[in-house]
């Protein structure tokens, strides 16, 4: 049973859950701990690294996209206390995301010959744009995946790259602001081995993740490699559903596995 889902997105970025709806979703799933890890922006309504909402523990987190030597990867910061440097960078990223969203929307409308019913703001991501395409009655799309495959996935006609910080800068920012910094979903990258090599500079890696979730290609998960890296680097093991919907708790940590993470999230003496 999932006790802690440490990878959940809200409508502060490209998720569908509001922060106010998270406790009810957690109760429905039997989850006791949720980490809010919105893309490139801490949640403005979480004012402490750990927040208690009734019987639910909410970990203030972030998922930060960074540029490593060979590919882009995502870092998960847990137990956020926002620093001026992180605030400055997330504000820059929000402005970049806004410009990118507007460019993608214009491209989609030109490509499809429709006007999408979507107002692009700083929290708009590609899933929002894909949903708007699916919702439009004059398009042929009835699910999100084909929109990514045909139009807005990496390298596709309406893909627009983002200006993200370097891996080194991202680690620096999160080391200052978070109590735990880890690599998200290591087998979601073109080169998982290179991604896992980055863990030598991190505290944790996302061990439990819904790797069967469809993406643009097949996902090969080498658990032997992952477990070897965890042992060699003495990494904390995190996990979560990477939920962008109203449902959480599909994957995560049981109560025993959450224990070491909880200890790391406690205030440092």
C-alpha atoms as a PDB file:
ATOM      1  CA  UNK A   1       0.000   0.000   0.000  1.00  0.00           C
ATOM      2  CA  UNK A   2       1.261   3.475  -0.855  1.00  0.00           C
ATOM      3  CA  UNK A   3       1.881   5.502   2.308  1.00  0.00           C
ATOM      4  CA  UNK A   4       3.794   8.400   0.704  1.00  0.00           C
ATOM      5  CA  UNK A   5       3.290   9.703  -2.830  1.00  0.00           C
ATOM      6  CA  UNK A   6       6.264  11.998  -3.301  1.00  0.00           C
ATOM      7  CA  UNK A   7       5.600  13.220  -6.845  1.00  0.00           C
ATOM      8  CA  UNK A   8       2.320  15.095  -7.314  1.00  0.00           C
ATOM      9  CA  UNK A   9       1.522  18.097  -9.520  1.00  0.00           C
ATOM     10  CA  UNK A  10      -1.208  20.638  -8.857  1.00  0.00           C
ATOM     11  CA  UNK A  11      -2.835  23.346 -10.930  1.00  0.00           C
ATOM     12  CA  UNK A  12       0.022  25.582  -9.827  1.00  0.00           C
ATOM     13  CA  UNK A  13       1.826  24.025 -12.806  1.00  0.00           C
ATOM     14  CA  UNK A  14       0.311  21.464 -15.175  1.00  0.00           C
ATOM     15  CA  UNK A  15      -1.670  19.258 -12.803  1.00  0.00           C
ATOM     16  CA  UNK A  16      -5.447  19.201 -12.350  1.00  0.00           C
ATOM     17  CA  UNK A  17      -5.657  19.010  -8.550  1.00  0.00           C
ATOM     18  CA  UNK A  18      -5.943  22.199  -6.554  1.00  0.00           C
ATOM     19  CA  UNK A  19      -3.995  22.263  -3.308  1.00  0.00           C
ATOM     20  CA  UNK A  20      -7.304  22.393  -1.442  1.00  0.00           C
ATOM     21  CA  UNK A  21      -8.380  19.135  -3.125  1.00  0.00           C
ATOM     22  CA  UNK A  22      -5.199  17.226  -2.233  1.00  0.00           C
ATOM     23  CA  UNK A  23      -6.308  16.049   1.272  1.00  0.00           C
ATOM     24  CA  UNK A  24      -9.507  14.518  -0.089  1.00  0.00           C
ATOM     25  CA  UNK A  25      -7.616  12.816  -2.919  1.00  0.00           C
ATOM     26  CA  UNK A  26      -5.113  11.467  -0.394  1.00  0.00           C
ATOM     27  CA  UNK A  27      -7.859  10.090   1.837  1.00  0.00           C
ATOM     28  CA  UNK A  28      -9.491   8.444  -1.169  1.00  0.00           C
ATOM     29  CA  UNK A  29      -6.184   6.745  -1.999  1.00  0.00           C
ATOM     30  CA  UNK A  30      -5.256   5.896   1.604  1.00  0.00           C
ATOM     31  CA  UNK A  31      -2.128   8.056   1.327  1.00  0.00           C
ATOM     32  CA  UNK A  32      -0.703   9.765   4.421  1.00  0.00           C
ATOM     33  CA  UNK A  33       2.116  11.853   2.889  1.00  0.00           C
ATOM     34  CA  UNK A  34       2.069  13.832  -0.358  1.00  0.00           C
ATOM     35  CA  UNK A  35       4.903  15.852  -1.873  1.00  0.00           C
ATOM     36  CA  UNK A  36       3.764  18.721  -4.068  1.00  0.00           C
ATOM     37  CA  UNK A  37       6.392  18.888  -6.814  1.00  0.00           C
ATOM     38  CA  UNK A  38       5.119  21.378  -9.347  1.00  0.00           C
ATOM     39  CA  UNK A  39       7.248  22.071 -12.391  1.00  0.00           C
ATOM     40  CA  UNK A  40       9.843  24.803 -11.867  1.00  0.00           C
ATOM     41  CA  UNK A  41       7.860  26.629  -9.169  1.00  0.00           C
ATOM     42  CA  UNK A  42       7.249  26.061  -5.462  1.00  0.00           C
ATOM     43  CA  UNK A  43       3.598  26.231  -4.442  1.00  0.00           C
ATOM     44  CA  UNK A  44       2.864  29.770  -3.161  1.00  0.00           C
ATOM     45  CA  UNK A  45       0.394  28.526  -0.544  1.00  0.00           C
ATOM     46  CA  UNK A  46       2.917  26.246   1.176  1.00  0.00           C
ATOM     47  CA  UNK A  47       4.915  28.396   3.586  1.00  0.00           C
ATOM     48  CA  UNK A  48       7.027  25.732   5.281  1.00  0.00           C
ATOM     49  CA  UNK A  49       9.074  22.682   4.221  1.00  0.00           C
ATOM     50  CA  UNK A  50       6.541  20.348   5.856  1.00  0.00           C
ATOM     51  CA  UNK A  51       2.890  21.323   6.285  1.00  0.00           C
ATOM     52  CA  UNK A  52       0.245  19.397   8.204  1.00  0.00           C
ATOM     53  CA  UNK A  53      -3.284  19.528   6.821  1.00  0.00           C
ATOM     54  CA  UNK A  54      -5.418  17.521   9.223  1.00  0.00           C
ATOM     55  CA  UNK A  55      -4.142  13.937   9.087  1.00  0.00           C
ATOM     56  CA  UNK A  56      -2.169  14.570   5.898  1.00  0.00           C
ATOM     57  CA  UNK A  57       1.503  15.536   5.760  1.00  0.00           C
ATOM     58  CA  UNK A  58       2.354  17.727   2.764  1.00  0.00           C
ATOM     59  CA  UNK A  59       5.995  18.019   1.719  1.00  0.00           C
ATOM     60  CA  UNK A  60       6.779  21.278  -0.051  1.00  0.00           C
ATOM     61  CA  UNK A  61       8.736  20.319  -3.146  1.00  0.00           C
ATOM     62  CA  UNK A  62       9.624  21.212  -6.703  1.00  0.00           C
ATOM     63  CA  UNK A  63      10.493  19.429  -9.943  1.00  0.00           C
ATOM     64  CA  UNK A  64      13.225  21.407 -11.682  1.00  0.00           C
ATOM     65  CA  UNK A  65      14.236  20.750 -15.297  1.00  0.00           C
ATOM     66  CA  UNK A  66      17.991  21.160 -15.853  1.00  0.00           C
ATOM     67  CA  UNK A  67      20.493  20.789 -18.682  1.00  0.00           C
ATOM     68  CA  UNK A  68      23.110  18.096 -18.046  1.00  0.00           C
ATOM     69  CA  UNK A  69      26.038  17.392 -20.375  1.00  0.00           C
ATOM     70  CA  UNK A  70      24.188  14.990 -22.673  1.00  0.00           C
ATOM     71  CA  UNK A  71      20.484  15.536 -21.998  1.00  0.00           C
ATOM     72  CA  UNK A  72      17.895  17.339 -19.932  1.00  0.00           C
ATOM     73  CA  UNK A  73      16.825  15.733 -16.658  1.00  0.00           C
ATOM     74  CA  UNK A  74      14.474  16.571 -13.805  1.00  0.00           C
ATOM     75  CA  UNK A  75      15.535  17.138 -10.223  1.00  0.00           C
ATOM     76  CA  UNK A  76      13.176  16.718  -7.285  1.00  0.00           C
ATOM     77  CA  UNK A  77      13.725  19.010  -4.320  1.00  0.00           C
ATOM     78  CA  UNK A  78      11.937  18.075  -1.105  1.00  0.00           C
ATOM     79  CA  UNK A  79      11.408  20.200   2.011  1.00  0.00           C
ATOM     80  CA  UNK A  80      11.683  23.556   0.260  1.00  0.00           C
ATOM     81  CA  UNK A  81      12.451  26.792   2.068  1.00  0.00           C
ATOM     82  CA  UNK A  82      12.544  29.228  -0.821  1.00  0.00           C
ATOM     83  CA  UNK A  83      15.736  31.254  -1.063  1.00  0.00           C
ATOM     84  CA  UNK A  84      16.138  34.555  -2.971  1.00  0.00           C
ATOM     85  CA  UNK A  85      18.236  32.749  -5.579  1.00  0.00           C
ATOM     86  CA  UNK A  86      15.623  30.044  -6.159  1.00  0.00           C
ATOM     87  CA  UNK A  87      12.854  32.633  -6.284  1.00  0.00           C
ATOM     88  CA  UNK A  88      14.743  34.637  -8.893  1.00  0.00           C
ATOM     89  CA  UNK A  89      15.330  31.549 -11.027  1.00  0.00           C
ATOM     90  CA  UNK A  90      11.756  30.285 -10.792  1.00  0.00           C
ATOM     91  CA  UNK A  91      10.463  33.729 -11.758  1.00  0.00           C
ATOM     92  CA  UNK A  92      12.746  33.654 -14.812  1.00  0.00           C
ATOM     93  CA  UNK A  93      11.522  30.172 -15.680  1.00  0.00           C
ATOM     94  CA  UNK A  94       7.890  31.272 -15.302  1.00  0.00           C
ATOM     95  CA  UNK A  95       8.436  34.086 -17.802  1.00  0.00           C
ATOM     96  CA  UNK A  96      10.121  31.643 -20.183  1.00  0.00           C
ATOM     97  CA  UNK A  97       7.268  29.148 -19.745  1.00  0.00           C
ATOM     98  CA  UNK A  98       4.724  31.882 -20.547  1.00  0.00           C
ATOM     99  CA  UNK A  99       6.491  32.830 -23.779  1.00  0.00           C
ATOM    100  CA  UNK A 100       6.866  29.177 -24.717  1.00  0.00           C
ATOM    101  CA  UNK A 101       3.197  28.401 -24.072  1.00  0.00           C
ATOM    102  CA  UNK A 102       2.098  31.285 -26.264  1.00  0.00           C
ATOM    103  CA  UNK A 103       4.384  30.157 -29.106  1.00  0.00           C
ATOM    104  CA  UNK A 104       3.115  26.573 -28.923  1.00  0.00           C
ATOM    105  CA  UNK A 105      -0.503  27.726 -28.883  1.00  0.00           C
ATOM    106  CA  UNK A 106       0.015  29.917 -31.955  1.00  0.00           C
ATOM    107  CA  UNK A 107       1.685  27.031 -33.764  1.00  0.00           C
ATOM    108  CA  UNK A 108      -1.087  24.567 -32.859  1.00  0.00           C
ATOM    109  CA  UNK A 109      -3.799  26.950 -33.998  1.00  0.00           C
ATOM    110  CA  UNK A 110      -2.025  27.558 -37.291  1.00  0.00           C
ATOM    111  CA  UNK A 111      -1.313  23.858 -37.829  1.00  0.00           C
ATOM    112  CA  UNK A 112      -4.831  22.697 -36.968  1.00  0.00           C
ATOM    113  CA  UNK A 113      -6.768  25.684 -38.325  1.00  0.00           C
ATOM    114  CA  UNK A 114      -8.673  26.193 -35.059  1.00  0.00           C
ATOM    115  CA  UNK A 115      -8.804  28.626 -32.159  1.00  0.00           C
ATOM    116  CA  UNK A 116      -8.042  26.861 -28.883  1.00  0.00           C
ATOM    117  CA  UNK A 117     -10.133  27.663 -25.806  1.00  0.00           C
ATOM    118  CA  UNK A 118      -7.161  28.185 -23.486  1.00  0.00           C
ATOM    119  CA  UNK A 119      -5.656  31.207 -21.794  1.00  0.00           C
ATOM    120  CA  UNK A 120      -1.905  30.716 -21.503  1.00  0.00           C
ATOM    121  CA  UNK A 121      -0.383  31.826 -18.225  1.00  0.00           C
ATOM    122  CA  UNK A 122       2.837  31.155 -16.298  1.00  0.00           C
ATOM    123  CA  UNK A 123       1.588  27.750 -15.166  1.00  0.00           C
ATOM    124  CA  UNK A 124       0.614  26.505 -18.617  1.00  0.00           C
ATOM    125  CA  UNK A 125       2.457  23.409 -19.764  1.00  0.00           C
ATOM    126  CA  UNK A 126       2.210  21.087 -22.729  1.00  0.00           C
ATOM    127  CA  UNK A 127      -0.442  18.888 -21.051  1.00  0.00           C
ATOM    128  CA  UNK A 128      -2.760  21.924 -20.819  1.00  0.00           C
ATOM    129  CA  UNK A 129      -2.243  22.615 -24.503  1.00  0.00           C
ATOM    130  CA  UNK A 130      -2.788  18.966 -25.419  1.00  0.00           C
ATOM    131  CA  UNK A 131      -6.038  18.915 -23.416  1.00  0.00           C
ATOM    132  CA  UNK A 132      -7.221  22.002 -25.279  1.00  0.00           C
ATOM    133  CA  UNK A 133      -6.548  20.261 -28.597  1.00  0.00           C
ATOM    134  CA  UNK A 134      -8.449  17.144 -27.489  1.00  0.00           C
ATOM    135  CA  UNK A 135     -11.355  19.243 -26.173  1.00  0.00           C
ATOM    136  CA  UNK A 136     -11.792  21.174 -29.435  1.00  0.00           C
ATOM    137  CA  UNK A 137     -14.676  19.708 -31.490  1.00  0.00           C
ATOM    138  CA  UNK A 138     -12.951  20.357 -34.812  1.00  0.00           C
ATOM    139  CA  UNK A 139      -9.780  18.341 -34.202  1.00  0.00           C
ATOM    140  CA  UNK A 140      -9.311  14.609 -34.779  1.00  0.00           C
ATOM    141  CA  UNK A 141      -7.580  14.024 -31.450  1.00  0.00           C
ATOM    142  CA  UNK A 142      -9.355  12.144 -28.650  1.00  0.00           C
ATOM    143  CA  UNK A 143      -6.419  11.576 -26.259  1.00  0.00           C
ATOM    144  CA  UNK A 144      -3.265  13.381 -25.193  1.00  0.00           C
ATOM    145  CA  UNK A 145      -0.579  10.977 -26.386  1.00  0.00           C
ATOM    146  CA  UNK A 146      -1.184  11.450 -30.136  1.00  0.00           C
ATOM    147  CA  UNK A 147      -1.002  15.238 -29.680  1.00  0.00           C
ATOM    148  CA  UNK A 148       2.480  14.816 -28.236  1.00  0.00           C
ATOM    149  CA  UNK A 149       3.499  12.276 -30.866  1.00  0.00           C
ATOM    150  CA  UNK A 150       2.271  14.379 -33.786  1.00  0.00           C
ATOM    151  CA  UNK A 151       2.657  17.972 -32.683  1.00  0.00           C
ATOM    152  CA  UNK A 152       4.225  19.005 -29.385  1.00  0.00           C
ATOM    153  CA  UNK A 153       6.599  16.226 -28.357  1.00  0.00           C
ATOM    154  CA  UNK A 154      10.336  16.843 -28.523  1.00  0.00           C
ATOM    155  CA  UNK A 155      11.360  17.664 -32.085  1.00  0.00           C
ATOM    156  CA  UNK A 156       7.791  17.814 -33.399  1.00  0.00           C
ATOM    157  CA  UNK A 157       6.343  20.633 -35.502  1.00  0.00           C
ATOM    158  CA  UNK A 158       5.037  22.711 -32.581  1.00  0.00           C
ATOM    159  CA  UNK A 159       7.695  21.853 -30.016  1.00  0.00           C
ATOM    160  CA  UNK A 160       9.397  24.861 -28.431  1.00  0.00           C
ATOM    161  CA  UNK A 161      12.472  24.332 -26.277  1.00  0.00           C
ATOM    162  CA  UNK A 162      12.797  25.967 -22.867  1.00  0.00           C
ATOM    163  CA  UNK A 163      15.724  27.908 -21.420  1.00  0.00           C
ATOM    164  CA  UNK A 164      16.573  25.860 -18.334  1.00  0.00           C
ATOM    165  CA  UNK A 165      19.454  26.101 -15.845  1.00  0.00           C
ATOM    166  CA  UNK A 166      22.482  23.851 -15.994  1.00  0.00           C
ATOM    167  CA  UNK A 167      22.578  20.714 -13.876  1.00  0.00           C
ATOM    168  CA  UNK A 168      25.278  22.274 -11.702  1.00  0.00           C
ATOM    169  CA  UNK A 169      23.250  25.444 -11.151  1.00  0.00           C
ATOM    170  CA  UNK A 170      20.105  23.466 -10.419  1.00  0.00           C
ATOM    171  CA  UNK A 171      21.881  21.367  -7.810  1.00  0.00           C
ATOM    172  CA  UNK A 172      23.343  24.511  -6.260  1.00  0.00           C
ATOM    173  CA  UNK A 173      19.936  26.170  -6.025  1.00  0.00           C
ATOM    174  CA  UNK A 174      18.234  23.118  -4.557  1.00  0.00           C
ATOM    175  CA  UNK A 175      21.054  22.298  -2.145  1.00  0.00           C
ATOM    176  CA  UNK A 176      20.475  25.737  -0.611  1.00  0.00           C
ATOM    177  CA  UNK A 177      16.680  25.527  -0.572  1.00  0.00           C
ATOM    178  CA  UNK A 178      15.753  21.858  -0.052  1.00  0.00           C
ATOM    179  CA  UNK A 179      16.483  19.200   2.538  1.00  0.00           C
ATOM    180  CA  UNK A 180      16.618  16.366  -0.009  1.00  0.00           C
ATOM    181  CA  UNK A 181      17.562  16.599  -3.702  1.00  0.00           C
ATOM    182  CA  UNK A 182      17.038  13.647  -6.013  1.00  0.00           C
ATOM    183  CA  UNK A 183      16.837  12.531  -9.629  1.00  0.00           C
ATOM    184  CA  UNK A 184      13.337  12.041 -10.967  1.00  0.00           C
ATOM    185  CA  UNK A 185      12.292   8.970 -13.014  1.00  0.00           C
ATOM    186  CA  UNK A 186      15.742   7.864 -14.263  1.00  0.00           C
ATOM    187  CA  UNK A 187      14.320   5.610 -16.976  1.00  0.00           C
ATOM    188  CA  UNK A 188      12.360   8.394 -18.643  1.00  0.00           C
ATOM    189  CA  UNK A 189      15.493   9.743 -20.345  1.00  0.00           C
ATOM    190  CA  UNK A 190      17.166   8.779 -23.597  1.00  0.00           C
ATOM    191  CA  UNK A 191      20.294   7.700 -21.694  1.00  0.00           C
ATOM    192  CA  UNK A 192      19.368   6.354 -18.233  1.00  0.00           C
ATOM    193  CA  UNK A 193      22.969   5.389 -17.460  1.00  0.00           C
ATOM    194  CA  UNK A 194      24.171   8.956 -17.957  1.00  0.00           C
ATOM    195  CA  UNK A 195      21.252  10.238 -15.924  1.00  0.00           C
ATOM    196  CA  UNK A 196      22.022   7.866 -13.058  1.00  0.00           C
ATOM    197  CA  UNK A 197      25.685   8.921 -13.124  1.00  0.00           C
ATOM    198  CA  UNK A 198      24.503  12.344 -11.997  1.00  0.00           C
ATOM    199  CA  UNK A 199      23.358  10.837  -8.709  1.00  0.00           C
ATOM    200  CA  UNK A 200      26.895  11.160  -7.343  1.00  0.00           C
ATOM    201  CA  UNK A 201      25.965  14.814  -6.715  1.00  0.00           C
ATOM    202  CA  UNK A 202      22.518  14.064  -5.264  1.00  0.00           C
ATOM    203  CA  UNK A 203      20.898  12.681  -2.124  1.00  0.00           C
ATOM    204  CA  UNK A 204      18.243  10.477  -3.676  1.00  0.00           C
ATOM    205  CA  UNK A 205      16.778   8.821  -6.749  1.00  0.00           C
ATOM    206  CA  UNK A 206      13.179   8.053  -7.651  1.00  0.00           C
ATOM    207  CA  UNK A 207      13.046   4.284  -7.256  1.00  0.00           C
ATOM    208  CA  UNK A 208       9.277   3.771  -7.432  1.00  0.00           C
ATOM    209  CA  UNK A 209       7.531   5.266 -10.447  1.00  0.00           C
ATOM    210  CA  UNK A 210       4.771   4.223 -12.907  1.00  0.00           C
ATOM    211  CA  UNK A 211       7.207   3.287 -15.649  1.00  0.00           C
ATOM    212  CA  UNK A 212       4.463   1.465 -17.532  1.00  0.00           C
ATOM    213  CA  UNK A 213       2.751   4.775 -18.268  1.00  0.00           C
ATOM    214  CA  UNK A 214       2.720   5.358 -22.019  1.00  0.00           C
ATOM    215  CA  UNK A 215       5.137   7.936 -23.397  1.00  0.00           C
ATOM    216  CA  UNK A 216       6.444   8.614 -26.884  1.00  0.00           C
ATOM    217  CA  UNK A 217       8.425   5.370 -26.938  1.00  0.00           C
ATOM    218  CA  UNK A 218       9.105   2.139 -25.130  1.00  0.00           C
ATOM    219  CA  UNK A 219      10.471   2.297 -21.599  1.00  0.00           C
ATOM    220  CA  UNK A 220      13.160  -0.188 -20.585  1.00  0.00           C
ATOM    221  CA  UNK A 221      13.710  -0.361 -16.834  1.00  0.00           C
ATOM    222  CA  UNK A 222      16.980  -1.919 -15.669  1.00  0.00           C
ATOM    223  CA  UNK A 223      16.293  -2.393 -11.970  1.00  0.00           C
ATOM    224  CA  UNK A 224      19.638  -4.118 -11.428  1.00  0.00           C
ATOM    225  CA  UNK A 225      21.422  -0.978 -12.645  1.00  0.00           C
ATOM    226  CA  UNK A 226      19.248   1.245 -10.488  1.00  0.00           C
ATOM    227  CA  UNK A 227      19.764  -0.836  -7.374  1.00  0.00           C
ATOM    228  CA  UNK A 228      23.526  -0.928  -7.963  1.00  0.00           C
ATOM    229  CA  UNK A 229      23.633   2.879  -8.187  1.00  0.00           C
ATOM    230  CA  UNK A 230      21.538   3.203  -5.031  1.00  0.00           C
ATOM    231  CA  UNK A 231      23.953   0.944  -3.156  1.00  0.00           C
ATOM    232  CA  UNK A 232      27.141   2.482  -4.557  1.00  0.00           C
ATOM    233  CA  UNK A 233      26.042   6.073  -3.917  1.00  0.00           C
ATOM    234  CA  UNK A 234      24.163   5.319  -0.670  1.00  0.00           C
ATOM    235  CA  UNK A 235      21.089   7.075  -2.047  1.00  0.00           C
ATOM    236  CA  UNK A 236      17.726   7.633  -0.452  1.00  0.00           C
ATOM    237  CA  UNK A 237      14.944   5.930  -2.398  1.00  0.00           C
ATOM    238  CA  UNK A 238      11.947   8.089  -3.210  1.00  0.00           C
ATOM    239  CA  UNK A 239       8.863   7.365  -5.267  1.00  0.00           C
ATOM    240  CA  UNK A 240       5.608   8.755  -6.498  1.00  0.00           C
ATOM    241  CA  UNK A 241       2.871   8.671  -9.071  1.00  0.00           C
ATOM    242  CA  UNK A 242       3.898  11.815 -11.007  1.00  0.00           C
ATOM    243  CA  UNK A 243       0.198  12.586 -10.940  1.00  0.00           C
ATOM    244  CA  UNK A 244      -1.130  15.310 -13.209  1.00  0.00           C
ATOM    245  CA  UNK A 245      -4.739  14.182 -12.708  1.00  0.00           C
ATOM    246  CA  UNK A 246      -7.235  14.127  -9.838  1.00  0.00           C
ATOM    247  CA  UNK A 247      -5.926  10.741  -8.672  1.00  0.00           C
ATOM    248  CA  UNK A 248      -2.852  10.164  -6.514  1.00  0.00           C
ATOM    249  CA  UNK A 249      -1.228   7.171  -4.859  1.00  0.00           C
ATOM    250  CA  UNK A 250      -0.758   4.928  -7.881  1.00  0.00           C
ATOM    251  CA  UNK A 251       2.892   4.479  -6.924  1.00  0.00           C
ATOM    252  CA  UNK A 252       5.037   5.591  -4.011  1.00  0.00           C
ATOM    253  CA  UNK A 253       6.605   4.415  -0.775  1.00  0.00           C
ATOM    254  CA  UNK A 254       5.169   2.191   1.905  1.00  0.00           C
ATOM    255  CA  UNK A 255       5.496   3.380   5.489  1.00  0.00           C
ATOM    256  CA  UNK A 256       8.738   1.520   6.153  1.00  0.00           C
ATOM    257  CA  UNK A 257      10.407   2.815   2.981  1.00  0.00           C
ATOM    258  CA  UNK A 258       9.325   6.357   3.814  1.00  0.00           C
ATOM    259  CA  UNK A 259      11.139   6.235   7.176  1.00  0.00           C
ATOM    260  CA  UNK A 260      14.629   7.211   5.895  1.00  0.00           C
ATOM    261  CA  UNK A 261      13.151   9.961   3.734  1.00  0.00           C
ATOM    262  CA  UNK A 262      11.176  11.305   6.669  1.00  0.00           C
ATOM    263  CA  UNK A 263      14.335  11.376   8.783  1.00  0.00           C
ATOM    264  CA  UNK A 264      16.160  13.311   6.070  1.00  0.00           C
ATOM    265  CA  UNK A 265      13.328  15.818   5.844  1.00  0.00           C
ATOM    266  CA  UNK A 266      13.442  16.644   9.554  1.00  0.00           C
ATOM    267  CA  UNK A 267      15.048  20.001  10.394  1.00  0.00           C
ATOM    268  CA  UNK A 268      18.836  19.795  10.342  1.00  0.00           C
ATOM    269  CA  UNK A 269      20.458  20.367  13.718  1.00  0.00           C
END
